[in-house]
Protein backbone atom coordinates (compact mmCIF):
# COMPACT_ATOMS: atom_id res chain seq x y z
CA MET A 1 13.52 -96.03 32.81
CA GLN A 2 14.63 -93.56 35.69
CA VAL A 3 12.31 -89.99 35.60
CA PRO A 4 14.12 -86.79 34.83
CA LEU A 5 15.10 -84.79 37.76
CA TYR A 6 12.52 -81.90 36.51
CA GLN A 7 9.91 -84.18 36.38
CA ALA A 8 10.26 -85.69 39.81
CA LYS A 9 10.42 -82.36 40.78
CA ALA A 10 6.60 -81.45 39.57
CA GLU A 11 5.45 -84.47 41.10
CA PHE A 12 6.66 -83.55 44.19
CA PHE A 13 5.26 -80.05 43.89
CA ARG A 14 2.51 -81.22 42.79
CA MET A 15 2.15 -83.50 45.65
CA LEU A 16 2.19 -79.99 47.71
CA GLY A 17 -0.26 -78.77 46.17
CA HIS A 18 -3.19 -79.34 48.12
CA PRO A 19 -3.72 -76.15 50.79
CA VAL A 20 -4.74 -79.27 53.96
CA ARG A 21 -1.70 -80.62 52.71
CA ILE A 22 0.27 -77.11 53.09
CA ARG A 23 -1.69 -76.51 56.51
CA VAL A 24 -0.80 -80.32 57.82
CA LEU A 25 2.93 -79.81 57.04
CA GLU A 26 3.01 -76.29 58.90
CA LEU A 27 1.13 -77.43 62.05
CA LEU A 28 3.73 -80.11 61.73
CA GLN A 29 7.28 -78.01 61.81
CA ASN A 30 7.56 -77.99 65.93
CA GLY A 31 6.62 -81.62 65.96
CA PRO A 32 4.73 -84.44 66.34
CA VAL A 33 1.19 -83.46 66.05
CA PRO A 34 -2.07 -86.12 67.53
CA VAL A 35 -4.24 -86.24 64.77
CA ARG A 36 -7.42 -84.83 67.02
CA ASP A 37 -5.22 -81.70 66.82
CA LEU A 38 -4.82 -81.31 63.45
CA LEU A 39 -8.57 -82.09 63.24
CA THR A 40 -9.60 -79.32 65.56
CA GLU A 41 -6.97 -77.27 63.78
CA ILE A 42 -8.27 -77.57 60.43
CA ASP A 43 -11.65 -78.35 61.05
CA ILE A 44 -12.06 -80.80 58.10
CA GLU A 45 -13.67 -84.05 57.76
CA PRO A 46 -11.62 -86.92 59.37
CA SER A 47 -12.02 -89.07 56.05
CA SER A 48 -10.59 -85.53 54.21
CA LEU A 49 -7.94 -85.35 56.38
CA SER A 50 -7.11 -89.13 56.81
CA GLN A 51 -7.31 -88.62 52.40
CA GLN A 52 -4.44 -86.40 52.55
CA LEU A 53 -2.29 -87.40 55.72
CA ALA A 54 -1.90 -91.05 53.33
CA VAL A 55 -0.70 -88.53 50.43
CA LEU A 56 1.98 -87.33 52.45
CA ARG A 57 2.35 -90.93 54.31
CA ARG A 58 3.28 -92.21 50.77
CA SER A 59 5.39 -89.64 49.69
CA GLY A 60 7.49 -90.14 52.86
CA ILE A 61 7.20 -86.59 53.63
CA ILE A 62 5.53 -87.32 57.02
CA VAL A 63 5.61 -90.48 59.24
CA SER A 64 3.53 -91.72 61.89
CA ILE A 65 3.71 -92.59 65.46
CA ARG A 66 1.69 -94.57 67.20
CA ASP A 67 1.26 -94.25 71.20
CA GLY A 68 -1.39 -96.87 72.60
CA SER A 69 -4.38 -95.45 71.09
CA THR A 70 -3.09 -92.27 69.96
CA VAL A 71 -1.81 -91.68 66.57
CA SER A 72 0.33 -88.30 65.68
CA TYR A 73 2.12 -87.30 63.00
CA ALA A 74 5.84 -85.87 62.35
CA LEU A 75 7.69 -84.21 59.56
CA ALA A 76 10.18 -87.31 57.92
CA GLY A 77 13.09 -84.56 57.88
CA GLY A 78 14.26 -81.10 58.64
CA ASP A 79 14.09 -80.01 55.12
CA VAL A 80 10.30 -79.79 54.84
CA ALA A 81 10.48 -77.25 57.51
CA ASP A 82 12.86 -75.20 55.64
CA LEU A 83 10.84 -75.35 52.45
CA LEU A 84 8.15 -73.53 53.94
CA ARG A 85 10.22 -70.87 55.23
CA ALA A 86 11.80 -70.00 51.69
CA ALA A 87 8.03 -70.06 50.37
CA ARG A 88 6.70 -67.90 52.91
CA ARG A 89 10.17 -65.87 52.17
CA ILE A 90 9.08 -65.34 48.90
CA LEU A 91 5.60 -65.38 49.15
CA THR A 92 6.55 -61.95 51.52
CA GLU A 93 8.88 -60.28 49.10
CA LEU A 94 6.28 -61.54 46.27
CA LEU A 95 3.80 -59.05 47.95
CA VAL A 96 5.70 -56.59 49.57
CA GLY A 97 6.83 -56.46 45.35
CA ARG A 98 3.43 -55.90 45.21
CA ASN A 99 2.36 -53.27 47.40
CA GLU A 100 5.09 -50.87 45.86
CA LEU A 101 3.70 -51.45 42.27
CA LEU A 102 0.22 -50.88 44.15
CA GLU A 103 1.07 -47.79 45.22
CA ASP A 104 2.71 -46.31 42.13
CA LEU A 105 -0.13 -46.55 40.27
CA ARG A 106 -2.08 -44.80 42.84
CA GLN A 107 0.28 -42.34 43.11
CA ALA A 108 0.53 -42.25 38.92
CA ASP A 109 -3.45 -41.42 39.32
CA ALA A 110 -3.45 -38.37 41.74
């Protein structure tokens, strides 16, 4: 039985719904990053990062690259970076709208 598209989308967004996963994806936007650099940037326990990388890898959104003893990760495709940029634009618009509302409320109190 095929999963409805809306359900597949919901599962996709649920997979993205963790701050560490989002941060990893942000860090990978400019190309492959070694695990040691991800650990430095994110500042979490190696086991926790490993779990989050496994979720992203199983979903097919990132790939691992081994070069000798160094393991790096990269985005599997450019669409993820586009999605993160779109999310940033949407959040910016939402925050601008809230700032305008806040200003209107302040002026109403004056």
